Amino acid sequence: MAESSITIEILKGIREELRGTNTRLDDVNARLDGVSERLDGVSERLDITIERADVTNQRLEIVESRLIDLVQGQRFLIRYTKTLAERQTKLEPRVSRLEGRVDKLESK
């Protein structure tokens, strides 16, 4: 009988340990539920952030396109201005010669 009493006491001890383990598991599960809820909140905020980043990217693409158009327009204006300046440079000697000829004709 002593052996069965010892066995019963050992089994009672195991049962108590299991109850303690179950209590700790319940605590861990509750904490995990809290973590899960917080992660859900983070996930929602991340989705919102991604949507905002997408909108920002679209706006940046529009700005980039407009900047490219402006740069191309400026290049055209630079080429046009350069062409006018070159023409002006070529015309100056001719105008000077013509003015000189006119002055000679007027003095006669």
PDB file of N, CA and C in Angstrom:
ATOM      1  N   MET A   1       0.801  -1.188   0.000  1.00  0.00           N
ATOM      2  CA  MET A   1       0.000   0.000   0.000  1.00  0.00           C
ATOM      3  C   MET A   1       0.845   1.254   0.000  1.00  0.00           C
ATOM      4  N   ALA A   2       1.975   1.155   0.493  1.00  0.00           N
ATOM      5  CA  ALA A   2       2.827   2.330   0.528  1.00  0.00           C
ATOM      6  C   ALA A   2       3.191   2.751  -0.876  1.00  0.00           C
ATOM      7  N   GLU A   3       3.414   1.747  -1.720  1.00  0.00           N
ATOM      8  CA  GLU A   3       3.771   2.078  -3.095  1.00  0.00           C
ATOM      9  C   GLU A   3       2.616   2.757  -3.803  1.00  0.00           C
ATOM     10  N   SER A   4       1.395   2.349  -3.591  1.00  0.00           N
ATOM     11  CA  SER A   4       0.261   2.979  -4.261  1.00  0.00           C
ATOM     12  C   SER A   4       0.033   4.374  -3.700  1.00  0.00           C
ATOM     13  N   SER A   5       0.319   4.595  -2.432  1.00  0.00           N
ATOM     14  CA  SER A   5       0.200   5.941  -1.855  1.00  0.00           C
ATOM     15  C   SER A   5       1.226   6.865  -2.486  1.00  0.00           C
ATOM     16  N   ILE A   6       2.432   6.383  -2.654  1.00  0.00           N
ATOM     17  CA  ILE A   6       3.479   7.195  -3.288  1.00  0.00           C
ATOM     18  C   ILE A   6       3.079   7.506  -4.728  1.00  0.00           C
ATOM     19  N   THR A   7       2.567   6.522  -5.425  1.00  0.00           N
ATOM     20  CA  THR A   7       2.142   6.713  -6.818  1.00  0.00           C
ATOM     21  C   THR A   7       1.029   7.746  -6.884  1.00  0.00           C
ATOM     22  N   ILE A   8       0.083   7.658  -5.955  1.00  0.00           N
ATOM     23  CA  ILE A   8      -1.025   8.605  -5.937  1.00  0.00           C
ATOM     24  C   ILE A   8      -0.504  10.013  -5.660  1.00  0.00           C
ATOM     25  N   GLU A   9       0.417  10.144  -4.751  1.00  0.00           N
ATOM     26  CA  GLU A   9       0.993  11.447  -4.439  1.00  0.00           C
ATOM     27  C   GLU A   9       1.758  12.005  -5.638  1.00  0.00           C
ATOM     28  N   ILE A  10       2.478  11.134  -6.320  1.00  0.00           N
ATOM     29  CA  ILE A  10       3.212  11.565  -7.522  1.00  0.00           C
ATOM     30  C   ILE A  10       2.227  12.031  -8.588  1.00  0.00           C
ATOM     31  N   LEU A  11       1.160  11.281  -8.786  1.00  0.00           N
ATOM     32  CA  LEU A  11       0.151  11.646  -9.777  1.00  0.00           C
ATOM     33  C   LEU A  11      -0.527  12.966  -9.404  1.00  0.00           C
ATOM     34  N   LYS A  12      -0.800  13.162  -8.102  1.00  0.00           N
ATOM     35  CA  LYS A  12      -1.391  14.424  -7.653  1.00  0.00           C
ATOM     36  C   LYS A  12      -0.432  15.588  -7.949  1.00  0.00           C
ATOM     37  N   GLY A  13       0.840  15.369  -7.720  1.00  0.00           N
ATOM     38  CA  GLY A  13       1.836  16.398  -8.012  1.00  0.00           C
ATOM     39  C   GLY A  13       1.879  16.729  -9.491  1.00  0.00           C
ATOM     40  N   ILE A  14       1.821  15.689 -10.303  1.00  0.00           N
ATOM     41  CA  ILE A  14       1.811  15.902 -11.765  1.00  0.00           C
ATOM     42  C   ILE A  14       0.567  16.685 -12.168  1.00  0.00           C
ATOM     43  N   ARG A  15      -0.574  16.337 -11.552  1.00  0.00           N
ATOM     44  CA  ARG A  15      -1.821  17.033 -11.868  1.00  0.00           C
ATOM     45  C   ARG A  15      -1.699  18.515 -11.506  1.00  0.00           C
ATOM     46  N   GLU A  16      -1.144  18.820 -10.365  1.00  0.00           N
ATOM     47  CA  GLU A  16      -0.973  20.211  -9.939  1.00  0.00           C
ATOM     48  C   GLU A  16      -0.027  20.958 -10.886  1.00  0.00           C
ATOM     49  N   GLU A  17       1.037  20.297 -11.290  1.00  0.00           N
ATOM     50  CA  GLU A  17       1.969  20.913 -12.238  1.00  0.00           C
ATOM     51  C   GLU A  17       1.272  21.209 -13.566  1.00  0.00           C
ATOM     52  N   LEU A  18       0.418  20.266 -14.006  1.00  0.00           N
ATOM     53  CA  LEU A  18      -0.319  20.462 -15.253  1.00  0.00           C
ATOM     54  C   LEU A  18      -1.276  21.641 -15.135  1.00  0.00           C
ATOM     55  N   ARG A  19      -1.929  21.790 -13.996  1.00  0.00           N
ATOM     56  CA  ARG A  19      -2.821  22.936 -13.793  1.00  0.00           C
ATOM     57  C   ARG A  19      -2.027  24.243 -13.870  1.00  0.00           C
ATOM     58  N   GLY A  20      -0.866  24.235 -13.254  1.00  0.00           N
ATOM     59  CA  GLY A  20      -0.011  25.424 -13.323  1.00  0.00           C
ATOM     60  C   GLY A  20       0.435  25.711 -14.748  1.00  0.00           C
ATOM     61  N   THR A  21       0.774  24.647 -15.449  1.00  0.00           N
ATOM     62  CA  THR A  21       1.185  24.802 -16.847  1.00  0.00           C
ATOM     63  C   THR A  21       0.031  25.336 -17.673  1.00  0.00           C
ATOM     64  N   ASN A  22      -1.165  24.827 -17.451  1.00  0.00           N
ATOM     65  CA  ASN A  22      -2.347  25.304 -18.189  1.00  0.00           C
ATOM     66  C   ASN A  22      -2.606  26.779 -17.901  1.00  0.00           C
ATOM     67  N   THR A  23      -2.426  27.179 -16.637  1.00  0.00           N
ATOM     68  CA  THR A  23      -2.606  28.588 -16.279  1.00  0.00           C
ATOM     69  C   THR A  23      -1.601  29.448 -17.013  1.00  0.00           C
ATOM     70  N   ARG A  24      -0.357  29.007 -17.040  1.00  0.00           N
ATOM     71  CA  ARG A  24       0.675  29.769 -17.753  1.00  0.00           C
ATOM     72  C   ARG A  24       0.382  29.807 -19.253  1.00  0.00           C
ATOM     73  N   LEU A  25      -0.099  28.704 -19.795  1.00  0.00           N
ATOM     74  CA  LEU A  25      -0.457  28.681 -21.218  1.00  0.00           C
ATOM     75  C   LEU A  25      -1.600  29.649 -21.503  1.00  0.00           C
ATOM     76  N   ASP A  26      -2.573  29.716 -20.594  1.00  0.00           N
ATOM     77  CA  ASP A  26      -3.670  30.671 -20.773  1.00  0.00           C
ATOM     78  C   ASP A  26      -3.128  32.104 -20.782  1.00  0.00           C
ATOM     79  N   ASP A  27      -2.172  32.381 -19.889  1.00  0.00           N
ATOM     80  CA  ASP A  27      -1.554  33.714 -19.861  1.00  0.00           C
ATOM     81  C   ASP A  27      -0.819  33.999 -21.170  1.00  0.00           C
ATOM     82  N   VAL A  28      -0.080  33.008 -21.644  1.00  0.00           N
ATOM     83  CA  VAL A  28       0.657  33.176 -22.906  1.00  0.00           C
ATOM     84  C   VAL A  28      -0.322  33.402 -24.047  1.00  0.00           C
ATOM     85  N   ASN A  29      -1.409  32.650 -24.083  1.00  0.00           N
ATOM     86  CA  ASN A  29      -2.414  32.830 -25.135  1.00  0.00           C
ATOM     87  C   ASN A  29      -3.026  34.223 -25.084  1.00  0.00           C
ATOM     88  N   ALA A  30      -3.301  34.721 -23.881  1.00  0.00           N
ATOM     89  CA  ALA A  30      -3.865  36.066 -23.745  1.00  0.00           C
ATOM     90  C   ALA A  30      -2.863  37.100 -24.266  1.00  0.00           C
ATOM     91  N   ARG A  31      -1.597  36.929 -23.917  1.00  0.00           N
ATOM     92  CA  ARG A  31      -0.586  37.861 -24.401  1.00  0.00           C
ATOM     93  C   ARG A  31      -0.464  37.787 -25.919  1.00  0.00           C
ATOM     94  N   LEU A  32      -0.510  36.579 -26.460  1.00  0.00           N
ATOM     95  CA  LEU A  32      -0.442  36.421 -27.921  1.00  0.00           C
ATOM     96  C   LEU A  32      -1.638  37.075 -28.598  1.00  0.00           C
ATOM     97  N   ASP A  33      -2.816  36.984 -27.974  1.00  0.00           N
ATOM     98  CA  ASP A  33      -3.988  37.656 -28.539  1.00  0.00           C
ATOM     99  C   ASP A  33      -3.760  39.167 -28.591  1.00  0.00           C
ATOM    100  N   GLY A  34      -3.155  39.711 -27.534  1.00  0.00           N
ATOM    101  CA  GLY A  34      -2.845  41.145 -27.518  1.00  0.00           C
ATOM    102  C   GLY A  34      -1.856  41.513 -28.605  1.00  0.00           C
ATOM    103  N   VAL A  35      -0.841  40.687 -28.771  1.00  0.00           N
ATOM    104  CA  VAL A  35       0.147  40.931 -29.819  1.00  0.00           C
ATOM    105  C   VAL A  35      -0.517  40.856 -31.189  1.00  0.00           C
ATOM    106  N   SER A  36      -1.391  39.888 -31.364  1.00  0.00           N
ATOM    107  CA  SER A  36      -2.089  39.725 -32.640  1.00  0.00           C
ATOM    108  C   SER A  36      -2.938  40.958 -32.947  1.00  0.00           C
ATOM    109  N   GLU A  37      -3.628  41.485 -31.946  1.00  0.00           N
ATOM    110  CA  GLU A  37      -4.437  42.688 -32.150  1.00  0.00           C
ATOM    111  C   GLU A  37      -3.554  43.874 -32.528  1.00  0.00           C
ATOM    112  N   ARG A  38      -2.413  44.003 -31.856  1.00  0.00           N
ATOM    113  CA  ARG A  38      -1.512  45.107 -32.179  1.00  0.00           C
ATOM    114  C   ARG A  38      -0.977  44.952 -33.600  1.00  0.00           C
ATOM    115  N   LEU A  39      -0.659  43.723 -33.984  1.00  0.00           N
ATOM    116  CA  LEU A  39      -0.167  43.494 -35.349  1.00  0.00           C
ATOM    117  C   LEU A  39      -1.233  43.820 -36.384  1.00  0.00           C
ATOM    118  N   ASP A  40      -2.499  43.527 -36.056  1.00  0.00           N
ATOM    119  CA  ASP A  40      -3.577  43.895 -36.972  1.00  0.00           C
ATOM    120  C   ASP A  40      -3.616  45.402 -37.162  1.00  0.00           C
ATOM    121  N   GLY A  41      -3.443  46.146 -36.071  1.00  0.00           N
ATOM    122  CA  GLY A  41      -3.410  47.606 -36.163  1.00  0.00           C
ATOM    123  C   GLY A  41      -2.241  48.090 -36.995  1.00  0.00           C
ATOM    124  N   VAL A  42      -1.088  47.464 -36.800  1.00  0.00           N
ATOM    125  CA  VAL A  42       0.098  47.828 -37.575  1.00  0.00           C
ATOM    126  C   VAL A  42      -0.136  47.516 -39.046  1.00  0.00           C
ATOM    127  N   SER A  43      -0.763  46.390 -39.309  1.00  0.00           N
ATOM    128  CA  SER A  43      -1.027  45.991 -40.691  1.00  0.00           C
ATOM    129  C   SER A  43      -1.945  47.003 -41.374  1.00  0.00           C
ATOM    130  N   GLU A  44      -2.965  47.467 -40.659  1.00  0.00           N
ATOM    131  CA  GLU A  44      -3.872  48.460 -41.230  1.00  0.00           C
ATOM    132  C   GLU A  44      -3.127  49.759 -41.519  1.00  0.00           C
ATOM    133  N   ARG A  45      -2.277  50.184 -40.593  1.00  0.00           N
ATOM    134  CA  ARG A  45      -1.510  51.412 -40.809  1.00  0.00           C
ATOM    135  C   ARG A  45      -0.544  51.238 -41.969  1.00  0.00           C
ATOM    136  N   LEU A  46       0.036  50.049 -42.096  1.00  0.00           N
ATOM    137  CA  LEU A  46       0.957  49.781 -43.198  1.00  0.00           C
ATOM    138  C   LEU A  46       0.218  49.846 -44.534  1.00  0.00           C
ATOM    139  N   ASP A  47      -0.989  49.309 -44.577  1.00  0.00           N
ATOM    140  CA  ASP A  47      -1.788  49.383 -45.804  1.00  0.00           C
ATOM    141  C   ASP A  47      -2.059  50.835 -46.185  1.00  0.00           C
ATOM    142  N   ILE A  48      -2.401  51.653 -45.180  1.00  0.00           N
ATOM    143  CA  ILE A  48      -2.663  53.068 -45.443  1.00  0.00           C
ATOM    144  C   ILE A  48      -1.392  53.748 -45.950  1.00  0.00           C
ATOM    145  N   THR A  49      -0.269  53.420 -45.326  1.00  0.00           N
ATOM    146  CA  THR A  49       1.009  54.010 -45.745  1.00  0.00           C
ATOM    147  C   THR A  49       1.341  53.612 -47.176  1.00  0.00           C
ATOM    148  N   ILE A  50       1.106  52.371 -47.536  1.00  0.00           N
ATOM    149  CA  ILE A  50       1.367  51.905 -48.902  1.00  0.00           C
ATOM    150  C   ILE A  50       0.482  52.650 -49.897  1.00  0.00           C
ATOM    151  N   GLU A  51      -0.794  52.830 -49.540  1.00  0.00           N
ATOM    152  CA  GLU A  51      -1.691  53.573 -50.427  1.00  0.00           C
ATOM    153  C   GLU A  51      -1.199  55.001 -50.620  1.00  0.00           C
ATOM    154  N   ARG A  52      -0.771  55.631 -49.527  1.00  0.00           N
ATOM    155  CA  ARG A  52      -0.277  57.005 -49.625  1.00  0.00           C
ATOM    156  C   ARG A  52       0.996  57.055 -50.458  1.00  0.00           C
ATOM    157  N   ALA A  53       1.859  56.060 -50.313  1.00  0.00           N
ATOM    158  CA  ALA A  53       3.089  56.015 -51.111  1.00  0.00           C
ATOM    159  C   ALA A  53       2.751  55.860 -52.594  1.00  0.00           C
ATOM    160  N   ASP A  54       1.729  55.065 -52.894  1.00  0.00           N
ATOM    161  CA  ASP A  54       1.319  54.901 -54.289  1.00  0.00           C
ATOM    162  C   ASP A  54       0.839  56.236 -54.878  1.00  0.00           C
ATOM    163  N   VAL A  55       0.043  56.968 -54.101  1.00  0.00           N
ATOM    164  CA  VAL A  55      -0.441  58.271 -54.561  1.00  0.00           C
ATOM    165  C   VAL A  55       0.743  59.217 -54.768  1.00  0.00           C
ATOM    166  N   THR A  56       1.677  59.197 -53.831  1.00  0.00           N
ATOM    167  CA  THR A  56       2.858  60.048 -53.940  1.00  0.00           C
ATOM    168  C   THR A  56       3.669  59.688 -55.181  1.00  0.00           C
ATOM    169  N   ASN A  57       3.822  58.408 -55.452  1.00  0.00           N
ATOM    170  CA  ASN A  57       4.552  57.967 -56.648  1.00  0.00           C
ATOM    171  C   ASN A  57       3.862  58.453 -57.919  1.00  0.00           C
ATOM    172  N   GLN A  58       2.534  58.392 -57.935  1.00  0.00           N
ATOM    173  CA  GLN A  58       1.807  58.876 -59.109  1.00  0.00           C
ATOM    174  C   GLN A  58       2.044  60.372 -59.305  1.00  0.00           C
ATOM    175  N   ARG A  59       2.005  61.112 -58.204  1.00  0.00           N
ATOM    176  CA  ARG A  59       2.244  62.553 -58.298  1.00  0.00           C
ATOM    177  C   ARG A  59       3.660  62.834 -58.777  1.00  0.00           C
ATOM    178  N   LEU A  60       4.621  62.077 -58.274  1.00  0.00           N
ATOM    179  CA  LEU A  60       6.010  62.266 -58.692  1.00  0.00           C
ATOM    180  C   LEU A  60       6.186  61.969 -60.173  1.00  0.00           C
ATOM    181  N   GLU A  61       5.482  60.974 -60.668  1.00  0.00           N
ATOM    182  CA  GLU A  61       5.559  60.664 -62.098  1.00  0.00           C
ATOM    183  C   GLU A  61       5.032  61.832 -62.926  1.00  0.00           C
ATOM    184  N   ILE A  62       3.959  62.464 -62.463  1.00  0.00           N
ATOM    185  CA  ILE A  62       3.404  63.623 -63.167  1.00  0.00           C
ATOM    186  C   ILE A  62       4.412  64.768 -63.151  1.00  0.00           C
ATOM    187  N   VAL A  63       4.985  65.031 -61.982  1.00  0.00           N
ATOM    188  CA  VAL A  63       5.975  66.104 -61.858  1.00  0.00           C
ATOM    189  C   VAL A  63       7.175  65.818 -62.756  1.00  0.00           C
ATOM    190  N   GLU A  64       7.634  64.563 -62.755  1.00  0.00           N
ATOM    191  CA  GLU A  64       8.775  64.191 -63.592  1.00  0.00           C
ATOM    192  C   GLU A  64       8.460  64.434 -65.068  1.00  0.00           C
ATOM    193  N   SER A  65       7.253  64.049 -65.476  1.00  0.00           N
ATOM    194  CA  SER A  65       6.859  64.244 -66.869  1.00  0.00           C
ATOM    195  C   SER A  65       6.838  65.727 -67.221  1.00  0.00           C
ATOM    196  N   ARG A  66       6.317  66.540 -66.325  1.00  0.00           N
ATOM    197  CA  ARG A  66       6.276  67.985 -66.586  1.00  0.00           C
ATOM    198  C   ARG A  66       7.673  68.582 -66.617  1.00  0.00           C
ATOM    199  N   LEU A  67       8.535  68.109 -65.736  1.00  0.00           N
ATOM    200  CA  LEU A  67       9.916  68.602 -65.753  1.00  0.00           C
ATOM    201  C   LEU A  67      10.614  68.247 -67.058  1.00  0.00           C
ATOM    202  N   ILE A  68      10.375  67.036 -67.531  1.00  0.00           N
ATOM    203  CA  ILE A  68      10.972  66.627 -68.808  1.00  0.00           C
ATOM    204  C   ILE A  68      10.478  67.538 -69.928  1.00  0.00           C
ATOM    205  N   ASP A  69       9.169  67.841 -69.909  1.00  0.00           N
ATOM    206  CA  ASP A  69       8.619  68.751 -70.922  1.00  0.00           C
ATOM    207  C   ASP A  69       9.272  70.131 -70.827  1.00  0.00           C
ATOM    208  N   LEU A  70       9.451  70.619 -69.597  1.00  0.00           N
ATOM    209  CA  LEU A  70      10.080  71.930 -69.418  1.00  0.00           C
ATOM    210  C   LEU A  70      11.519  71.935 -69.925  1.00  0.00           C
ATOM    211  N   VAL A  71      12.248  70.879 -69.607  1.00  0.00           N
ATOM    212  CA  VAL A  71      13.647  70.795 -70.053  1.00  0.00           C
ATOM    213  C   VAL A  71      13.710  70.768 -71.575  1.00  0.00           C
ATOM    214  N   GLN A  72      12.824  70.008 -72.182  1.00  0.00           N
ATOM    215  CA  GLN A  72      12.821  69.953 -73.647  1.00  0.00           C
ATOM    216  C   GLN A  72      12.472  71.317 -74.234  1.00  0.00           C
ATOM    217  N   GLY A  73      11.522  72.019 -73.584  1.00  0.00           N
ATOM    218  CA  GLY A  73      11.166  73.365 -74.042  1.00  0.00           C
ATOM    219  C   GLY A  73      12.338  74.323 -73.897  1.00  0.00           C
ATOM    220  N   GLN A  74      13.057  74.206 -72.797  1.00  0.00           N
ATOM    221  CA  GLN A  74      14.223  75.068 -72.592  1.00  0.00           C
ATOM    222  C   GLN A  74      15.304  74.766 -73.625  1.00  0.00           C
ATOM    223  N   ARG A  75      15.505  73.516 -73.942  1.00  0.00           N
ATOM    224  CA  ARG A  75      16.506  73.164 -74.961  1.00  0.00           C
ATOM    225  C   ARG A  75      16.148  73.779 -76.310  1.00  0.00           C
ATOM    226  N   PHE A  76      14.845  73.738 -76.646  1.00  0.00           N
ATOM    227  CA  PHE A  76      14.406  74.344 -77.895  1.00  0.00           C
ATOM    228  C   PHE A  76      14.694  75.839 -77.881  1.00  0.00           C
ATOM    229  N   LEU A  77      14.349  76.508 -76.768  1.00  0.00           N
ATOM    230  CA  LEU A  77      14.587  77.947 -76.667  1.00  0.00           C
ATOM    231  C   LEU A  77      16.073  78.281 -76.758  1.00  0.00           C
ATOM    232  N   ILE A  78      16.902  77.464 -76.155  1.00  0.00           N
ATOM    233  CA  ILE A  78      18.348  77.695 -76.216  1.00  0.00           C
ATOM    234  C   ILE A  78      18.848  77.563 -77.652  1.00  0.00           C
ATOM    235  N   ARG A  79      18.404  76.512 -78.338  1.00  0.00           N
ATOM    236  CA  ARG A  79      18.820  76.344 -79.743  1.00  0.00           C
ATOM    237  C   ARG A  79      18.337  77.505 -80.604  1.00  0.00           C
ATOM    238  N   TYR A  80      17.096  77.922 -80.382  1.00  0.00           N
ATOM    239  CA  TYR A  80      16.525  79.027 -81.161  1.00  0.00           C
ATOM    240  C   TYR A  80      17.293  80.316 -80.903  1.00  0.00           C
ATOM    241  N   THR A  81      17.567  80.606 -79.639  1.00  0.00           N
ATOM    242  CA  THR A  81      18.322  81.805 -79.281  1.00  0.00           C
ATOM    243  C   THR A  81      19.728  81.762 -79.865  1.00  0.00           C
ATOM    244  N   LYS A  82      20.345  80.593 -79.816  1.00  0.00           N
ATOM    245  CA  LYS A  82      21.689  80.435 -80.380  1.00  0.00           C
ATOM    246  C   LYS A  82      21.668  80.705 -81.885  1.00  0.00           C
ATOM    247  N   THR A  83      20.653  80.187 -82.567  1.00  0.00           N
ATOM    248  CA  THR A  83      20.523  80.407 -84.011  1.00  0.00           C
ATOM    249  C   THR A  83      20.355  81.892 -84.311  1.00  0.00           C
ATOM    250  N   LEU A  84      19.514  82.569 -83.525  1.00  0.00           N
ATOM    251  CA  LEU A  84      19.331  84.008 -83.740  1.00  0.00           C
ATOM    252  C   LEU A  84      20.628  84.772 -83.500  1.00  0.00           C
ATOM    253  N   ALA A  85      21.353  84.384 -82.457  1.00  0.00           N
ATOM    254  CA  ALA A  85      22.618  85.064 -82.162  1.00  0.00           C
ATOM    255  C   ALA A  85      23.618  84.846 -83.282  1.00  0.00           C
ATOM    256  N   GLU A  86      23.672  83.649 -83.837  1.00  0.00           N
ATOM    257  CA  GLU A  86      24.588  83.369 -84.939  1.00  0.00           C
ATOM    258  C   GLU A  86      24.223  84.204 -86.162  1.00  0.00           C
ATOM    259  N   ARG A  87      22.921  84.313 -86.432  1.00  0.00           N
ATOM    260  CA  ARG A  87      22.484  85.139 -87.568  1.00  0.00           C
ATOM    261  C   ARG A  87      22.869  86.594 -87.347  1.00  0.00           C
ATOM    262  N   GLN A  88      22.663  87.047 -86.109  1.00  0.00           N
ATOM    263  CA  GLN A  88      23.009  88.429 -85.773  1.00  0.00           C
ATOM    264  C   GLN A  88      24.488  88.672 -85.997  1.00  0.00           C
ATOM    265  N   THR A  89      25.313  87.716 -85.588  1.00  0.00           N
ATOM    266  CA  THR A  89      26.762  87.842 -85.745  1.00  0.00           C
ATOM    267  C   THR A  89      27.140  87.890 -87.224  1.00  0.00           C
ATOM    268  N   LYS A  90      26.462  87.130 -88.056  1.00  0.00           N
ATOM    269  CA  LYS A  90      26.762  87.118 -89.490  1.00  0.00           C
ATOM    270  C   LYS A  90      26.292  88.394 -90.175  1.00  0.00           C
ATOM    271  N   LEU A  91      25.225  88.998 -89.648  1.00  0.00           N
ATOM    272  CA  LEU A  91      24.664  90.186 -90.283  1.00  0.00           C
ATOM    273  C   LEU A  91      25.427  91.462 -89.929  1.00  0.00           C
ATOM    274  N   GLU A  92      26.033  91.497 -88.773  1.00  0.00           N
ATOM    275  CA  GLU A  92      26.695  92.727 -88.321  1.00  0.00           C
ATOM    276  C   GLU A  92      27.725  93.246 -89.314  1.00  0.00           C
ATOM    277  N   PRO A  93      28.644  92.435 -89.834  1.00  0.00           N
ATOM    278  CA  PRO A  93      29.616  92.983 -90.810  1.00  0.00           C
ATOM    279  C   PRO A  93      28.947  93.501 -92.079  1.00  0.00           C
ATOM    280  N   ARG A  94      27.919  92.809 -92.528  1.00  0.00           N
ATOM    281  CA  ARG A  94      27.229  93.253 -93.745  1.00  0.00           C
ATOM    282  C   ARG A  94      26.547  94.592 -93.526  1.00  0.00           C
ATOM    283  N   VAL A  95      25.908  94.733 -92.357  1.00  0.00           N
ATOM    284  CA  VAL A  95      25.230  95.997 -92.050  1.00  0.00           C
ATOM    285  C   VAL A  95      26.255  97.125 -91.971  1.00  0.00           C
ATOM    286  N   SER A  96      27.375  96.853 -91.340  1.00  0.00           N
ATOM    287  CA  SER A  96      28.422  97.884 -91.231  1.00  0.00           C
ATOM    288  C   SER A  96      28.895  98.319 -92.620  1.00  0.00           C
ATOM    289  N   ARG A  97      29.112  97.346 -93.505  1.00  0.00           N
ATOM    290  CA  ARG A  97      29.555  97.690 -94.868  1.00  0.00           C
ATOM    291  C   ARG A  97      28.490  98.504 -95.589  1.00  0.00           C
ATOM    292  N   LEU A  98      27.239  98.097 -95.441  1.00  0.00           N
ATOM    293  CA  LEU A  98      26.161  98.825 -96.112  1.00  0.00           C
ATOM    294  C   LEU A  98      26.040 100.246 -95.575  1.00  0.00           C
ATOM    295  N   GLU A  99      26.185 100.400 -94.259  1.00  0.00           N
ATOM    296  CA  GLU A  99      26.130 101.740 -93.675  1.00  0.00           C
ATOM    297  C   GLU A  99      27.252 102.613 -94.249  1.00  0.00           C
ATOM    298  N   GLY A 100      28.429 102.012 -94.360  1.00  0.00           N
ATOM    299  CA  GLY A 100      29.563 102.746 -94.939  1.00  0.00           C
ATOM    300  C   GLY A 100      29.280 103.168 -96.367  1.00  0.00           C
ATOM    301  N   ARG A 101      28.700 102.303 -97.159  1.00  0.00           N
ATOM    302  CA  ARG A 101      28.368 102.634 -98.536  1.00  0.00           C
ATOM    303  C   ARG A 101      27.309 103.741 -98.599  1.00  0.00           C
ATOM    304  N   VAL A 102      26.318 103.642 -97.691  1.00  0.00           N
ATOM    305  CA  VAL A 102      25.270 104.661 -97.662  1.00  0.00           C
ATOM    306  C   VAL A 102      25.891 106.015 -97.299  1.00  0.00           C
ATOM    307  N   ASP A 103      26.794 106.009 -96.328  1.00  0.00           N
ATOM    308  CA  ASP A 103      27.449 107.258 -95.942  1.00  0.00           C
ATOM    309  C   ASP A 103      28.212 107.859 -97.132  1.00  0.00           C
ATOM    310  N   LYS A 104      28.880 107.041 -97.895  1.00  0.00           N
ATOM    311  CA  LYS A 104      29.611 107.531 -99.079  1.00  0.00           C
ATOM    312  C   LYS A 104      28.650 108.117-100.103  1.00  0.00           C
ATOM    313  N   LEU A 105      27.522 107.424-100.316  1.00  0.00           N
ATOM    314  CA  LEU A 105      26.544 107.902-101.304  1.00  0.00           C
ATOM    315  C   LEU A 105      25.919 109.225-100.838  1.00  0.00           C
ATOM    316  N   GLU A 106      25.646 109.308 -99.545  1.00  0.00           N
ATOM    317  CA  GLU A 106      25.044 110.548 -99.027  1.00  0.00           C
ATOM    318  C   GLU A 106      26.031 111.718 -99.127  1.00  0.00           C
ATOM    319  N   SER A 107      27.307 111.483 -98.958  1.00  0.00           N
ATOM    320  CA  SER A 107      28.289 112.567 -99.009  1.00  0.00           C
ATOM    321  C   SER A 107      28.486 113.074-100.449  1.00  0.00           C
ATOM    322  N   LYS A 108      28.134 112.333-101.444  1.00  0.00           N
ATOM    323  CA  LYS A 108      28.287 112.752-102.838  1.00  0.00           C
ATOM    324  C   LYS A 108      27.230 113.688-103.205  1.00  0.00           C
TER     325      LYS A 108
END
